[in-house]
Amino acid sequence: MSHTYEEYEQEYESYLSRTRSFLSSTRSQSTLRECERLLREAKRCASAMRGLAEVEDDVVRIAEASRRMDREISPLEGEVERALSEKREEGGGGTEAVRSELFSGAGSGSGVGGYEAPTALLDGGEDSDTERLIRDSESLLMESQALCAESEQMGASTLQTMGLQREQLINASSHLEGTRNATEQARRVLRDMRRRTLRNKIFLYSVIVILILANGAVLYRLIKK
């Protein structure tokens, strides 16, 4: 089923809202990948909006769709790409740090064969603390995603309500314009009726005056005879 321009616009705003929500929260690899997917969907909606505007030959909407792609989607894509690059660099640095920590004790220490295991790997308490922090972070992330979804639903509902109110205002405006036209037509009809009545009165008064003069002339002739 084909969508209308307004429906694609609502989907576009929803995708961009979710993307901004993810970028404003903790930027993990998964959230950044989700941002990439959402931006692809937003670009698809913008392209569909532009296609519909070109079919309808609506210059304003064509320019608006192009502006959305250039000034809204492109900057967000650049920001997501930079964040992913930073994450990849951080991941590479972390791997090198773990390798150096694992092999740095090979030549020193009192372990078997002169190897001393890193304290961080043997300390169960620190591991449990780390796992607990990870679980807390994951739960916070899930709560943030739930709040984002709820906010998205509320925003979509608000946009739908505003769309209905806009249609009602447009209908009321069209009814008001029709009422104004009808009132103007009635005013013109009344003006024409007033002018016609005035002409009829002048004609009747003229006939009465002519008849009076004719009667006077007849009486004068009768008297003269």
N, C-alpha and C. Protein backbone atom coordinates (compact mmCIF):
# COMPACT_ATOMS: atom_id res chain seq x y z
N MET A 1 0.85 -1.19 0.00
CA MET A 1 0.00 0.00 0.00
C MET A 1 0.89 1.25 0.00
N SER A 2 0.63 2.17 -0.90
CA SER A 2 1.43 3.38 -1.02
C SER A 2 1.13 4.33 0.14
N HIS A 3 2.18 5.06 0.52
CA HIS A 3 2.06 6.04 1.59
C HIS A 3 1.89 7.43 1.00
N THR A 4 1.33 8.31 1.80
CA THR A 4 1.21 9.70 1.40
C THR A 4 2.46 10.47 1.85
N TYR A 5 2.58 11.70 1.38
CA TYR A 5 3.71 12.54 1.77
C TYR A 5 3.74 12.74 3.28
N GLU A 6 2.57 12.97 3.89
CA GLU A 6 2.51 13.22 5.33
C GLU A 6 2.94 11.98 6.12
N GLU A 7 2.56 10.78 5.66
CA GLU A 7 2.95 9.56 6.37
C GLU A 7 4.45 9.34 6.29
N TYR A 8 5.05 9.57 5.11
CA TYR A 8 6.50 9.46 5.01
C TYR A 8 7.19 10.51 5.89
N GLU A 9 6.59 11.70 5.99
CA GLU A 9 7.17 12.75 6.83
C GLU A 9 7.14 12.36 8.30
N GLN A 10 6.05 11.73 8.75
CA GLN A 10 5.98 11.27 10.14
C GLN A 10 7.02 10.19 10.41
N GLU A 11 7.18 9.23 9.48
CA GLU A 11 8.20 8.19 9.67
C GLU A 11 9.59 8.80 9.69
N TYR A 12 9.83 9.77 8.82
CA TYR A 12 11.13 10.43 8.78
C TYR A 12 11.45 11.11 10.12
N GLU A 13 10.49 11.87 10.65
CA GLU A 13 10.70 12.55 11.93
C GLU A 13 10.93 11.53 13.05
N SER A 14 10.23 10.40 12.99
CA SER A 14 10.40 9.36 14.01
C SER A 14 11.81 8.78 13.97
N TYR A 15 12.31 8.46 12.76
CA TYR A 15 13.66 7.91 12.63
C TYR A 15 14.72 8.90 13.11
N LEU A 16 14.56 10.17 12.75
CA LEU A 16 15.54 11.17 13.18
C LEU A 16 15.50 11.40 14.69
N SER A 17 14.29 11.35 15.27
CA SER A 17 14.17 11.52 16.71
C SER A 17 14.87 10.39 17.46
N ARG A 18 14.68 9.15 16.98
CA ARG A 18 15.35 8.01 17.63
C ARG A 18 16.86 8.09 17.46
N THR A 19 17.30 8.54 16.30
CA THR A 19 18.74 8.66 16.06
C THR A 19 19.36 9.68 17.01
N ARG A 20 18.72 10.84 17.14
CA ARG A 20 19.25 11.86 18.05
C ARG A 20 19.24 11.38 19.49
N SER A 21 18.20 10.58 19.84
CA SER A 21 18.11 10.04 21.19
C SER A 21 19.27 9.11 21.49
N PHE A 22 19.60 8.24 20.52
CA PHE A 22 20.73 7.32 20.70
C PHE A 22 22.04 8.07 20.78
N LEU A 23 22.22 9.10 19.94
CA LEU A 23 23.48 9.84 19.94
C LEU A 23 23.67 10.65 21.20
N SER A 24 22.56 11.07 21.83
CA SER A 24 22.68 11.84 23.06
C SER A 24 22.92 10.95 24.28
N SER A 25 22.74 9.61 24.13
CA SER A 25 22.98 8.69 25.24
C SER A 25 24.37 8.07 25.07
N THR A 26 24.59 6.95 25.77
CA THR A 26 25.88 6.25 25.68
C THR A 26 26.06 5.70 24.28
N ARG A 27 27.18 6.03 23.65
CA ARG A 27 27.41 5.63 22.27
C ARG A 27 28.20 4.33 22.22
N SER A 28 27.48 3.22 22.23
CA SER A 28 28.11 1.92 22.09
C SER A 28 28.10 1.50 20.63
N GLN A 29 28.78 0.39 20.34
CA GLN A 29 28.81 -0.11 18.97
C GLN A 29 27.41 -0.45 18.48
N SER A 30 26.60 -1.08 19.35
CA SER A 30 25.26 -1.49 18.93
C SER A 30 24.36 -0.29 18.65
N THR A 31 24.43 0.74 19.53
CA THR A 31 23.59 1.91 19.31
C THR A 31 24.01 2.68 18.06
N LEU A 32 25.32 2.73 17.78
CA LEU A 32 25.78 3.42 16.59
C LEU A 32 25.37 2.66 15.32
N ARG A 33 25.41 1.32 15.37
CA ARG A 33 24.93 0.55 14.23
C ARG A 33 23.43 0.78 14.02
N GLU A 34 22.68 0.87 15.12
CA GLU A 34 21.26 1.14 15.02
C GLU A 34 21.02 2.54 14.42
N CYS A 35 21.88 3.49 14.79
CA CYS A 35 21.77 4.84 14.21
C CYS A 35 22.00 4.81 12.71
N GLU A 36 22.97 3.99 12.27
CA GLU A 36 23.19 3.86 10.83
C GLU A 36 21.95 3.33 10.13
N ARG A 37 21.32 2.31 10.74
CA ARG A 37 20.11 1.74 10.13
C ARG A 37 18.97 2.76 10.09
N LEU A 38 18.80 3.50 11.20
CA LEU A 38 17.73 4.50 11.25
C LEU A 38 17.96 5.61 10.23
N LEU A 39 19.21 6.01 10.04
CA LEU A 39 19.49 7.05 9.05
C LEU A 39 19.25 6.56 7.63
N ARG A 40 19.52 5.27 7.39
CA ARG A 40 19.19 4.71 6.07
C ARG A 40 17.69 4.76 5.82
N GLU A 41 16.92 4.41 6.86
CA GLU A 41 15.46 4.45 6.72
C GLU A 41 14.98 5.90 6.53
N ALA A 42 15.59 6.84 7.28
CA ALA A 42 15.21 8.25 7.14
C ALA A 42 15.52 8.76 5.73
N LYS A 43 16.68 8.34 5.19
CA LYS A 43 17.02 8.74 3.82
C LYS A 43 16.03 8.16 2.82
N ARG A 44 15.59 6.91 3.07
CA ARG A 44 14.59 6.30 2.19
C ARG A 44 13.28 7.11 2.21
N CYS A 45 12.87 7.51 3.41
CA CYS A 45 11.64 8.31 3.52
C CYS A 45 11.80 9.66 2.82
N ALA A 46 12.96 10.29 2.99
CA ALA A 46 13.19 11.59 2.34
C ALA A 46 13.17 11.45 0.82
N SER A 47 13.77 10.36 0.31
CA SER A 47 13.74 10.13 -1.14
C SER A 47 12.32 9.91 -1.63
N ALA A 48 11.52 9.14 -0.86
CA ALA A 48 10.12 8.92 -1.24
C ALA A 48 9.33 10.23 -1.21
N MET A 49 9.59 11.07 -0.19
CA MET A 49 8.92 12.37 -0.11
C MET A 49 9.26 13.24 -1.32
N ARG A 50 10.52 13.21 -1.71
CA ARG A 50 10.92 14.01 -2.88
C ARG A 50 10.26 13.47 -4.15
N GLY A 51 10.20 12.13 -4.28
CA GLY A 51 9.55 11.55 -5.45
C GLY A 51 8.09 11.94 -5.54
N LEU A 52 7.37 11.86 -4.41
CA LEU A 52 5.96 12.26 -4.42
C LEU A 52 5.80 13.73 -4.75
N ALA A 53 6.70 14.57 -4.22
CA ALA A 53 6.61 16.00 -4.51
C ALA A 53 6.87 16.28 -5.99
N GLU A 54 7.81 15.52 -6.59
CA GLU A 54 8.07 15.71 -8.02
C GLU A 54 6.87 15.27 -8.85
N VAL A 55 6.20 14.19 -8.42
CA VAL A 55 5.01 13.75 -9.16
C VAL A 55 3.92 14.82 -9.09
N GLU A 56 3.75 15.43 -7.91
CA GLU A 56 2.74 16.47 -7.74
C GLU A 56 3.21 17.84 -8.23
N ASP A 57 4.49 17.92 -8.66
CA ASP A 57 5.07 19.17 -9.14
C ASP A 57 4.99 20.27 -8.08
N ASP A 58 5.26 19.87 -6.83
CA ASP A 58 5.24 20.81 -5.70
C ASP A 58 6.67 21.27 -5.45
N VAL A 59 7.00 22.47 -5.89
CA VAL A 59 8.37 22.97 -5.79
C VAL A 59 8.80 23.14 -4.34
N VAL A 60 7.89 23.58 -3.49
CA VAL A 60 8.23 23.82 -2.08
C VAL A 60 8.59 22.52 -1.39
N ARG A 61 7.81 21.46 -1.62
CA ARG A 61 8.10 20.18 -0.97
C ARG A 61 9.35 19.53 -1.54
N ILE A 62 9.62 19.73 -2.83
CA ILE A 62 10.86 19.20 -3.41
C ILE A 62 12.06 19.84 -2.73
N ALA A 63 12.03 21.16 -2.58
CA ALA A 63 13.13 21.85 -1.90
C ALA A 63 13.25 21.43 -0.44
N GLU A 64 12.10 21.20 0.23
CA GLU A 64 12.12 20.78 1.63
C GLU A 64 12.74 19.40 1.78
N ALA A 65 12.40 18.46 0.89
CA ALA A 65 12.98 17.10 0.96
C ALA A 65 14.48 17.14 0.70
N SER A 66 14.91 17.95 -0.25
CA SER A 66 16.35 18.07 -0.52
C SER A 66 17.07 18.68 0.68
N ARG A 67 16.44 19.68 1.29
CA ARG A 67 17.06 20.31 2.47
C ARG A 67 17.20 19.32 3.61
N ARG A 68 16.20 18.46 3.81
CA ARG A 68 16.27 17.46 4.88
C ARG A 68 17.46 16.52 4.66
N MET A 69 17.65 16.09 3.42
CA MET A 69 18.75 15.16 3.14
C MET A 69 20.11 15.83 3.32
N ASP A 70 20.23 17.08 2.90
CA ASP A 70 21.53 17.76 2.94
C ASP A 70 21.87 18.29 4.33
N ARG A 71 20.87 18.87 5.02
CA ARG A 71 21.16 19.58 6.27
C ARG A 71 20.81 18.80 7.53
N GLU A 72 20.08 17.70 7.40
CA GLU A 72 19.70 16.94 8.59
C GLU A 72 20.33 15.55 8.59
N ILE A 73 20.19 14.82 7.47
CA ILE A 73 20.70 13.45 7.43
C ILE A 73 22.21 13.42 7.30
N SER A 74 22.76 14.21 6.37
CA SER A 74 24.21 14.17 6.13
C SER A 74 25.04 14.50 7.38
N PRO A 75 24.71 15.58 8.14
CA PRO A 75 25.49 15.83 9.37
C PRO A 75 25.41 14.69 10.38
N LEU A 76 24.23 14.08 10.51
CA LEU A 76 24.09 12.97 11.45
C LEU A 76 24.90 11.76 10.98
N GLU A 77 24.91 11.50 9.67
CA GLU A 77 25.72 10.40 9.16
C GLU A 77 27.20 10.64 9.45
N GLY A 78 27.65 11.89 9.26
CA GLY A 78 29.04 12.20 9.56
C GLY A 78 29.37 12.00 11.04
N GLU A 79 28.44 12.41 11.91
CA GLU A 79 28.66 12.25 13.35
C GLU A 79 28.73 10.77 13.74
N VAL A 80 27.83 9.95 13.17
CA VAL A 80 27.84 8.51 13.47
C VAL A 80 29.14 7.88 12.96
N GLU A 81 29.58 8.27 11.77
CA GLU A 81 30.81 7.71 11.22
C GLU A 81 32.01 8.07 12.08
N ARG A 82 32.07 9.33 12.56
CA ARG A 82 33.18 9.73 13.45
C ARG A 82 33.15 8.94 14.76
N ALA A 83 31.95 8.75 15.31
CA ALA A 83 31.84 8.00 16.56
C ALA A 83 32.27 6.54 16.37
N LEU A 84 31.89 5.94 15.24
CA LEU A 84 32.31 4.56 14.97
C LEU A 84 33.82 4.47 14.80
N SER A 85 34.41 5.46 14.15
CA SER A 85 35.87 5.47 13.99
C SER A 85 36.57 5.55 15.35
N GLU A 86 36.03 6.42 16.21
CA GLU A 86 36.61 6.53 17.56
C GLU A 86 36.49 5.23 18.33
N LYS A 87 35.31 4.57 18.18
CA LYS A 87 35.12 3.29 18.87
C LYS A 87 36.10 2.25 18.36
N ARG A 88 36.34 2.22 17.05
CA ARG A 88 37.29 1.25 16.49
C ARG A 88 38.70 1.53 16.98
N GLU A 89 39.06 2.83 17.06
CA GLU A 89 40.39 3.16 17.56
C GLU A 89 40.55 2.78 19.02
N GLU A 90 39.48 3.05 19.82
CA GLU A 90 39.53 2.67 21.23
C GLU A 90 39.62 1.16 21.39
N GLY A 91 38.89 0.42 20.57
CA GLY A 91 38.94 -1.03 20.64
C GLY A 91 40.32 -1.56 20.31
N GLY A 92 40.98 -0.98 19.30
CA GLY A 92 42.33 -1.42 18.95
C GLY A 92 43.30 -1.13 20.06
N GLY A 93 43.20 0.06 20.68
CA GLY A 93 44.09 0.40 21.78
C GLY A 93 43.90 -0.50 22.98
N GLY A 94 42.62 -0.86 23.27
CA GLY A 94 42.34 -1.74 24.40
C GLY A 94 42.92 -3.12 24.19
N THR A 95 42.88 -3.62 22.95
CA THR A 95 43.43 -4.94 22.66
C THR A 95 44.93 -4.96 22.88
N GLU A 96 45.62 -3.90 22.40
CA GLU A 96 47.06 -3.83 22.60
C GLU A 96 47.41 -3.75 24.08
N ALA A 97 46.61 -3.03 24.87
CA ALA A 97 46.88 -2.90 26.31
C ALA A 97 46.75 -4.24 27.00
N VAL A 98 45.71 -5.03 26.62
CA VAL A 98 45.53 -6.34 27.24
C VAL A 98 46.69 -7.26 26.89
N ARG A 99 47.13 -7.20 25.62
CA ARG A 99 48.26 -8.05 25.21
C ARG A 99 49.52 -7.70 25.99
N SER A 100 49.79 -6.39 26.11
CA SER A 100 51.01 -5.99 26.84
C SER A 100 50.91 -6.38 28.30
N GLU A 101 49.68 -6.33 28.89
CA GLU A 101 49.52 -6.69 30.30
C GLU A 101 49.72 -8.19 30.50
N LEU A 102 49.24 -8.99 29.52
CA LEU A 102 49.37 -10.44 29.66
C LEU A 102 50.81 -10.91 29.54
N PHE A 103 51.60 -10.25 28.67
CA PHE A 103 52.95 -10.74 28.40
C PHE A 103 54.04 -9.93 29.06
N SER A 104 53.66 -8.87 29.77
CA SER A 104 54.71 -8.04 30.39
C SER A 104 55.36 -8.73 31.57
N GLY A 105 54.66 -9.67 32.20
CA GLY A 105 55.23 -10.33 33.38
C GLY A 105 56.00 -11.58 33.06
N ALA A 106 56.29 -11.85 31.78
CA ALA A 106 56.96 -13.10 31.43
C ALA A 106 58.37 -13.17 31.97
N GLY A 107 59.02 -12.03 32.08
CA GLY A 107 60.41 -12.04 32.53
C GLY A 107 60.57 -11.69 33.97
N SER A 108 59.55 -11.52 34.75
CA SER A 108 59.69 -11.12 36.14
C SER A 108 58.62 -11.78 36.96
N GLY A 109 58.72 -11.71 38.26
CA GLY A 109 57.69 -12.25 39.14
C GLY A 109 58.11 -13.58 39.70
N SER A 110 57.25 -14.12 40.60
CA SER A 110 57.58 -15.35 41.32
C SER A 110 56.70 -16.49 40.93
N GLY A 111 55.99 -16.40 39.80
CA GLY A 111 55.10 -17.49 39.41
C GLY A 111 55.87 -18.61 38.79
N VAL A 112 55.14 -19.61 38.29
CA VAL A 112 55.76 -20.77 37.68
C VAL A 112 56.49 -20.33 36.43
N GLY A 113 57.75 -20.76 36.31
CA GLY A 113 58.55 -20.39 35.15
C GLY A 113 58.84 -18.91 35.10
N GLY A 114 58.80 -18.26 36.28
CA GLY A 114 59.09 -16.83 36.31
C GLY A 114 57.96 -15.97 35.81
N TYR A 115 56.77 -16.55 35.57
CA TYR A 115 55.62 -15.77 35.05
C TYR A 115 54.69 -15.45 36.19
N GLU A 116 54.31 -14.18 36.28
CA GLU A 116 53.37 -13.72 37.31
C GLU A 116 52.11 -13.25 36.61
N ALA A 117 50.96 -13.89 36.88
CA ALA A 117 49.70 -13.53 36.23
C ALA A 117 49.29 -12.13 36.63
N PRO A 118 48.68 -11.38 35.70
CA PRO A 118 48.22 -10.03 36.06
C PRO A 118 47.23 -10.08 37.20
N THR A 119 47.38 -9.11 38.09
CA THR A 119 46.52 -9.07 39.27
C THR A 119 45.07 -8.90 38.89
N ALA A 120 44.78 -8.11 37.81
CA ALA A 120 43.40 -7.85 37.42
C ALA A 120 42.70 -9.12 36.97
N LEU A 121 43.48 -10.09 36.39
CA LEU A 121 42.85 -11.32 35.92
C LEU A 121 42.60 -12.29 37.06
N LEU A 122 43.39 -12.17 38.16
CA LEU A 122 43.24 -13.09 39.28
C LEU A 122 42.32 -12.57 40.36
N ASP A 123 42.04 -11.31 40.33
CA ASP A 123 41.23 -10.70 41.39
C ASP A 123 39.75 -10.89 41.07
N GLY A 124 39.13 -11.88 41.73
CA GLY A 124 37.72 -12.18 41.47
C GLY A 124 36.80 -11.06 41.90
N GLY A 125 37.20 -10.32 42.96
CA GLY A 125 36.35 -9.24 43.43
C GLY A 125 36.20 -8.14 42.38
N GLU A 126 37.34 -7.78 41.74
CA GLU A 126 37.27 -6.74 40.72
C GLU A 126 36.46 -7.22 39.52
N ASP A 127 36.59 -8.53 39.18
CA ASP A 127 35.80 -9.05 38.07
C ASP A 127 34.32 -8.96 38.36
N SER A 128 33.95 -9.32 39.60
CA SER A 128 32.52 -9.26 39.94
C SER A 128 32.02 -7.81 39.92
N ASP A 129 32.86 -6.88 40.37
CA ASP A 129 32.47 -5.47 40.32
C ASP A 129 32.29 -5.02 38.87
N THR A 130 33.20 -5.45 38.02
CA THR A 130 33.09 -5.09 36.60
C THR A 130 31.83 -5.66 35.98
N GLU A 131 31.55 -6.93 36.28
CA GLU A 131 30.34 -7.55 35.74
C GLU A 131 29.09 -6.83 36.24
N ARG A 132 29.12 -6.46 37.51
CA ARG A 132 27.96 -5.75 38.05
C ARG A 132 27.78 -4.40 37.37
N LEU A 133 28.88 -3.70 37.13
CA LEU A 133 28.80 -2.42 36.42
C LEU A 133 28.26 -2.61 35.00
N ILE A 134 28.70 -3.68 34.34
CA ILE A 134 28.21 -3.95 32.99
C ILE A 134 26.72 -4.23 33.00
N ARG A 135 26.28 -5.05 34.00
CA ARG A 135 24.85 -5.34 34.08
C ARG A 135 24.05 -4.08 34.37
N ASP A 136 24.58 -3.24 35.28
CA ASP A 136 23.87 -1.98 35.57
C ASP A 136 23.80 -1.09 34.33
N SER A 137 24.90 -1.05 33.58
CA SER A 137 24.90 -0.23 32.36
C SER A 137 23.90 -0.77 31.34
N GLU A 138 23.85 -2.11 31.23
CA GLU A 138 22.90 -2.70 30.28
C GLU A 138 21.46 -2.42 30.69
N SER A 139 21.19 -2.51 32.00
CA SER A 139 19.82 -2.23 32.46
C SER A 139 19.46 -0.77 32.22
N LEU A 140 20.42 0.14 32.48
CA LEU A 140 20.17 1.56 32.21
C LEU A 140 19.93 1.81 30.72
N LEU A 141 20.71 1.09 29.90
CA LEU A 141 20.52 1.23 28.45
C LEU A 141 19.15 0.75 28.03
N MET A 142 18.71 -0.39 28.60
CA MET A 142 17.38 -0.90 28.26
C MET A 142 16.30 0.07 28.70
N GLU A 143 16.46 0.64 29.91
CA GLU A 143 15.48 1.63 30.38
C GLU A 143 15.46 2.86 29.48
N SER A 144 16.66 3.29 29.04
CA SER A 144 16.72 4.45 28.15
C SER A 144 16.04 4.14 26.82
N GLN A 145 16.26 2.93 26.31
CA GLN A 145 15.61 2.55 25.06
C GLN A 145 14.09 2.49 25.22
N ALA A 146 13.63 1.98 26.38
CA ALA A 146 12.19 1.94 26.62
C ALA A 146 11.61 3.36 26.70
N LEU A 147 12.35 4.25 27.39
CA LEU A 147 11.89 5.64 27.47
C LEU A 147 11.87 6.30 26.09
N CYS A 148 12.89 5.98 25.28
CA CYS A 148 12.92 6.53 23.93
C CYS A 148 11.74 6.03 23.11
N ALA A 149 11.44 4.71 23.24
CA ALA A 149 10.30 4.16 22.50
C ALA A 149 8.99 4.81 22.95
N GLU A 150 8.87 4.99 24.29
CA GLU A 150 7.66 5.63 24.80
C GLU A 150 7.55 7.07 24.32
N SER A 151 8.69 7.78 24.33
CA SER A 151 8.68 9.16 23.84
C SER A 151 8.35 9.21 22.36
N GLU A 152 8.86 8.21 21.61
CA GLU A 152 8.54 8.16 20.17
C GLU A 152 7.06 7.94 19.95
N GLN A 153 6.46 7.03 20.74
CA GLN A 153 5.02 6.79 20.60
C GLN A 153 4.22 8.05 20.94
N MET A 154 4.63 8.73 22.03
CA MET A 154 3.94 9.96 22.40
C MET A 154 4.09 11.02 21.31
N GLY A 155 5.29 11.12 20.74
CA GLY A 155 5.50 12.09 19.67
C GLY A 155 4.66 11.77 18.44
N ALA A 156 4.59 10.47 18.08
CA ALA A 156 3.77 10.08 16.93
C ALA A 156 2.30 10.38 17.19
N SER A 157 1.85 10.10 18.42
CA SER A 157 0.46 10.39 18.76
C SER A 157 0.19 11.90 18.70
N THR A 158 1.15 12.68 19.20
CA THR A 158 0.99 14.14 19.15
C THR A 158 0.95 14.64 17.72
N LEU A 159 1.83 14.08 16.88
CA LEU A 159 1.84 14.50 15.47
C LEU A 159 0.52 14.13 14.79
N GLN A 160 -0.01 12.94 15.12
CA GLN A 160 -1.28 12.54 14.53
C GLN A 160 -2.41 13.47 14.97
N THR A 161 -2.41 13.81 16.28
CA THR A 161 -3.44 14.73 16.79
C THR A 161 -3.32 16.10 16.13
N MET A 162 -2.08 16.56 15.98
CA MET A 162 -1.88 17.86 15.33
C MET A 162 -2.31 17.82 13.86
N GLY A 163 -2.09 16.66 13.20
CA GLY A 163 -2.55 16.53 11.83
C GLY A 163 -4.05 16.59 11.72
N LEU A 164 -4.75 15.92 12.66
CA LEU A 164 -6.21 15.97 12.66
C LEU A 164 -6.70 17.40 12.92
N GLN A 165 -6.07 18.07 13.88
CA GLN A 165 -6.46 19.45 14.17
C GLN A 165 -6.19 20.36 12.97
N ARG A 166 -5.11 20.09 12.25
CA ARG A 166 -4.82 20.89 11.06
C ARG A 166 -5.90 20.69 10.00
N GLU A 167 -6.32 19.43 9.81
CA GLU A 167 -7.39 19.17 8.84
C GLU A 167 -8.68 19.86 9.26
N GLN A 168 -9.00 19.82 10.58
CA GLN A 168 -10.20 20.50 11.05
C GLN A 168 -10.12 22.01 10.81
N LEU A 169 -8.94 22.59 11.05
CA LEU A 169 -8.79 24.03 10.82
C LEU A 169 -8.92 24.37 9.33
N ILE A 170 -8.37 23.49 8.49
CA ILE A 170 -8.48 23.73 7.04
C ILE A 170 -9.94 23.65 6.61
N ASN A 171 -10.67 22.64 7.14
CA ASN A 171 -12.09 22.52 6.80
C ASN A 171 -12.88 23.72 7.30
N ALA A 172 -12.58 24.15 8.54
CA ALA A 172 -13.28 25.33 9.07
C ALA A 172 -12.97 26.57 8.24
N SER A 173 -11.71 26.70 7.80
CA SER A 173 -11.35 27.85 6.97
C SER A 173 -12.09 27.82 5.64
N SER A 174 -12.21 26.61 5.04
CA SER A 174 -12.94 26.51 3.77
C SER A 174 -14.42 26.84 3.96
N HIS A 175 -15.02 26.36 5.10
CA HIS A 175 -16.42 26.69 5.37
C HIS A 175 -16.59 28.20 5.58
N LEU A 176 -15.65 28.81 6.29
CA LEU A 176 -15.71 30.25 6.52
C LEU A 176 -15.61 31.01 5.21
N GLU A 177 -14.74 30.55 4.31
CA GLU A 177 -14.60 31.21 3.02
C GLU A 177 -15.89 31.08 2.21
N GLY A 178 -16.53 29.88 2.28
CA GLY A 178 -17.80 29.71 1.59
C GLY A 178 -18.89 30.61 2.15
N THR A 179 -18.90 30.74 3.49
CA THR A 179 -19.88 31.63 4.12
C THR A 179 -19.66 33.08 3.69
N ARG A 180 -18.40 33.50 3.63
CA ARG A 180 -18.10 34.86 3.18
C ARG A 180 -18.56 35.09 1.74
N ASN A 181 -18.33 34.10 0.88
CA ASN A 181 -18.77 34.24 -0.51
C ASN A 181 -20.29 34.34 -0.61
N ALA A 182 -20.99 33.48 0.19
CA ALA A 182 -22.46 33.53 0.17
C ALA A 182 -22.97 34.87 0.68
N THR A 183 -22.32 35.39 1.73
CA THR A 183 -22.72 36.70 2.27
C THR A 183 -22.51 37.81 1.25
N GLU A 184 -21.38 37.74 0.54
CA GLU A 184 -21.10 38.75 -0.47
C GLU A 184 -22.12 38.68 -1.61
N GLN A 185 -22.48 37.46 -2.02
CA GLN A 185 -23.49 37.32 -3.07
C GLN A 185 -24.84 37.86 -2.61
N ALA A 186 -25.22 37.57 -1.34
CA ALA A 186 -26.48 38.10 -0.82
C ALA A 186 -26.46 39.62 -0.77
N ARG A 187 -25.31 40.20 -0.42
CA ARG A 187 -25.20 41.66 -0.38
C ARG A 187 -25.38 42.25 -1.77
N ARG A 188 -24.77 41.60 -2.77
CA ARG A 188 -24.94 42.10 -4.14
C ARG A 188 -26.39 41.99 -4.60
N VAL A 189 -27.05 40.87 -4.26
CA VAL A 189 -28.46 40.70 -4.65
C VAL A 189 -29.34 41.77 -4.00
N LEU A 190 -29.11 42.03 -2.70
CA LEU A 190 -29.89 43.07 -2.01
C LEU A 190 -29.65 44.45 -2.62
N ARG A 191 -28.39 44.72 -3.00
CA ARG A 191 -28.09 46.01 -3.62
C ARG A 191 -28.82 46.15 -4.96
N ASP A 192 -28.82 45.06 -5.74
CA ASP A 192 -29.54 45.11 -7.03
C ASP A 192 -31.04 45.29 -6.82
N MET A 193 -31.59 44.59 -5.81
CA MET A 193 -33.02 44.73 -5.52
C MET A 193 -33.35 46.16 -5.10
N ARG A 194 -32.47 46.77 -4.30
CA ARG A 194 -32.71 48.15 -3.86
C ARG A 194 -32.70 49.11 -5.05
N ARG A 195 -31.74 48.92 -5.94
CA ARG A 195 -31.68 49.78 -7.12
C ARG A 195 -32.91 49.57 -8.02
N ARG A 196 -33.32 48.33 -8.17
CA ARG A 196 -34.50 48.06 -9.01
C ARG A 196 -35.75 48.68 -8.40
N THR A 197 -35.88 48.57 -7.08
CA THR A 197 -37.03 49.17 -6.40
C THR A 197 -37.04 50.69 -6.57
N LEU A 198 -35.85 51.31 -6.47
CA LEU A 198 -35.76 52.75 -6.64
C LEU A 198 -36.16 53.16 -8.06
N ARG A 199 -35.70 52.40 -9.06
CA ARG A 199 -36.09 52.71 -10.44
C ARG A 199 -37.60 52.57 -10.63
N ASN A 200 -38.18 51.52 -10.03
CA ASN A 200 -39.63 51.34 -10.15
C ASN A 200 -40.40 52.50 -9.50
N LYS A 201 -39.90 52.94 -8.34
CA LYS A 201 -40.56 54.07 -7.67
C LYS A 201 -40.49 55.33 -8.53
N ILE A 202 -39.31 55.60 -9.09
CA ILE A 202 -39.17 56.79 -9.94
C ILE A 202 -40.11 56.70 -11.15
N PHE A 203 -40.18 55.50 -11.74
CA PHE A 203 -41.07 55.34 -12.90
C PHE A 203 -42.53 55.57 -12.51
N LEU A 204 -42.95 54.99 -11.36
CA LEU A 204 -44.33 55.17 -10.92
C LEU A 204 -44.64 56.63 -10.61
N TYR A 205 -43.71 57.33 -9.94
CA TYR A 205 -43.93 58.73 -9.65
C TYR A 205 -44.01 59.56 -10.94
N SER A 206 -43.19 59.20 -11.91
CA SER A 206 -43.24 59.91 -13.20
C SER A 206 -44.58 59.69 -13.89
N VAL A 207 -45.09 58.46 -13.88
CA VAL A 207 -46.39 58.16 -14.48
C VAL A 207 -47.50 58.93 -13.79
N ILE A 208 -47.42 58.99 -12.44
CA ILE A 208 -48.44 59.72 -11.68
C ILE A 208 -48.43 61.20 -12.05
N VAL A 209 -47.21 61.78 -12.13
CA VAL A 209 -47.11 63.21 -12.49
C VAL A 209 -47.66 63.45 -13.88
N ILE A 210 -47.31 62.55 -14.84
CA ILE A 210 -47.81 62.70 -16.21
C ILE A 210 -49.34 62.61 -16.25
N LEU A 211 -49.90 61.66 -15.51
CA LEU A 211 -51.36 61.52 -15.48
C LEU A 211 -52.04 62.76 -14.88
N ILE A 212 -51.42 63.28 -13.81
CA ILE A 212 -51.98 64.50 -13.19
C ILE A 212 -51.97 65.65 -14.18
N LEU A 213 -50.84 65.80 -14.89
CA LEU A 213 -50.75 66.88 -15.87
C LEU A 213 -51.75 66.67 -17.01
N ALA A 214 -51.90 65.40 -17.45
CA ALA A 214 -52.86 65.12 -18.52
C ALA A 214 -54.30 65.43 -18.06
N ASN A 215 -54.62 65.01 -16.85
CA ASN A 215 -55.96 65.30 -16.31
C ASN A 215 -56.18 66.82 -16.20
N GLY A 216 -55.18 67.53 -15.77
CA GLY A 216 -55.29 68.99 -15.66
C GLY A 216 -55.53 69.63 -17.02
N ALA A 217 -54.79 69.12 -18.03
CA ALA A 217 -54.98 69.67 -19.38
C ALA A 217 -56.38 69.39 -19.90
N VAL A 218 -56.87 68.18 -19.65
CA VAL A 218 -58.23 67.84 -20.09
C VAL A 218 -59.26 68.72 -19.41
N LEU A 219 -59.11 68.92 -18.09
CA LEU A 219 -60.05 69.78 -17.35
C LEU A 219 -59.98 71.22 -17.84
N TYR A 220 -58.76 71.67 -18.16
CA TYR A 220 -58.63 73.06 -18.65
C TYR A 220 -59.36 73.24 -19.98
N ARG A 221 -59.23 72.26 -20.88
CA ARG A 221 -59.92 72.35 -22.18
C ARG A 221 -61.44 72.29 -22.00
N LEU A 222 -61.88 71.42 -21.06
CA LEU A 222 -63.32 71.34 -20.83
C LEU A 222 -63.87 72.68 -20.30
N ILE A 223 -63.09 73.27 -19.41
CA ILE A 223 -63.52 74.57 -18.85
C ILE A 223 -63.53 75.63 -19.93
N LYS A 224 -62.58 75.66 -20.82
CA LYS A 224 -62.51 76.65 -21.88
C LYS A 224 -63.70 76.54 -22.82
N LYS A 225 -64.14 75.32 -23.08
CA LYS A 225 -65.29 75.13 -23.94
C LYS A 225 -66.55 75.63 -23.26
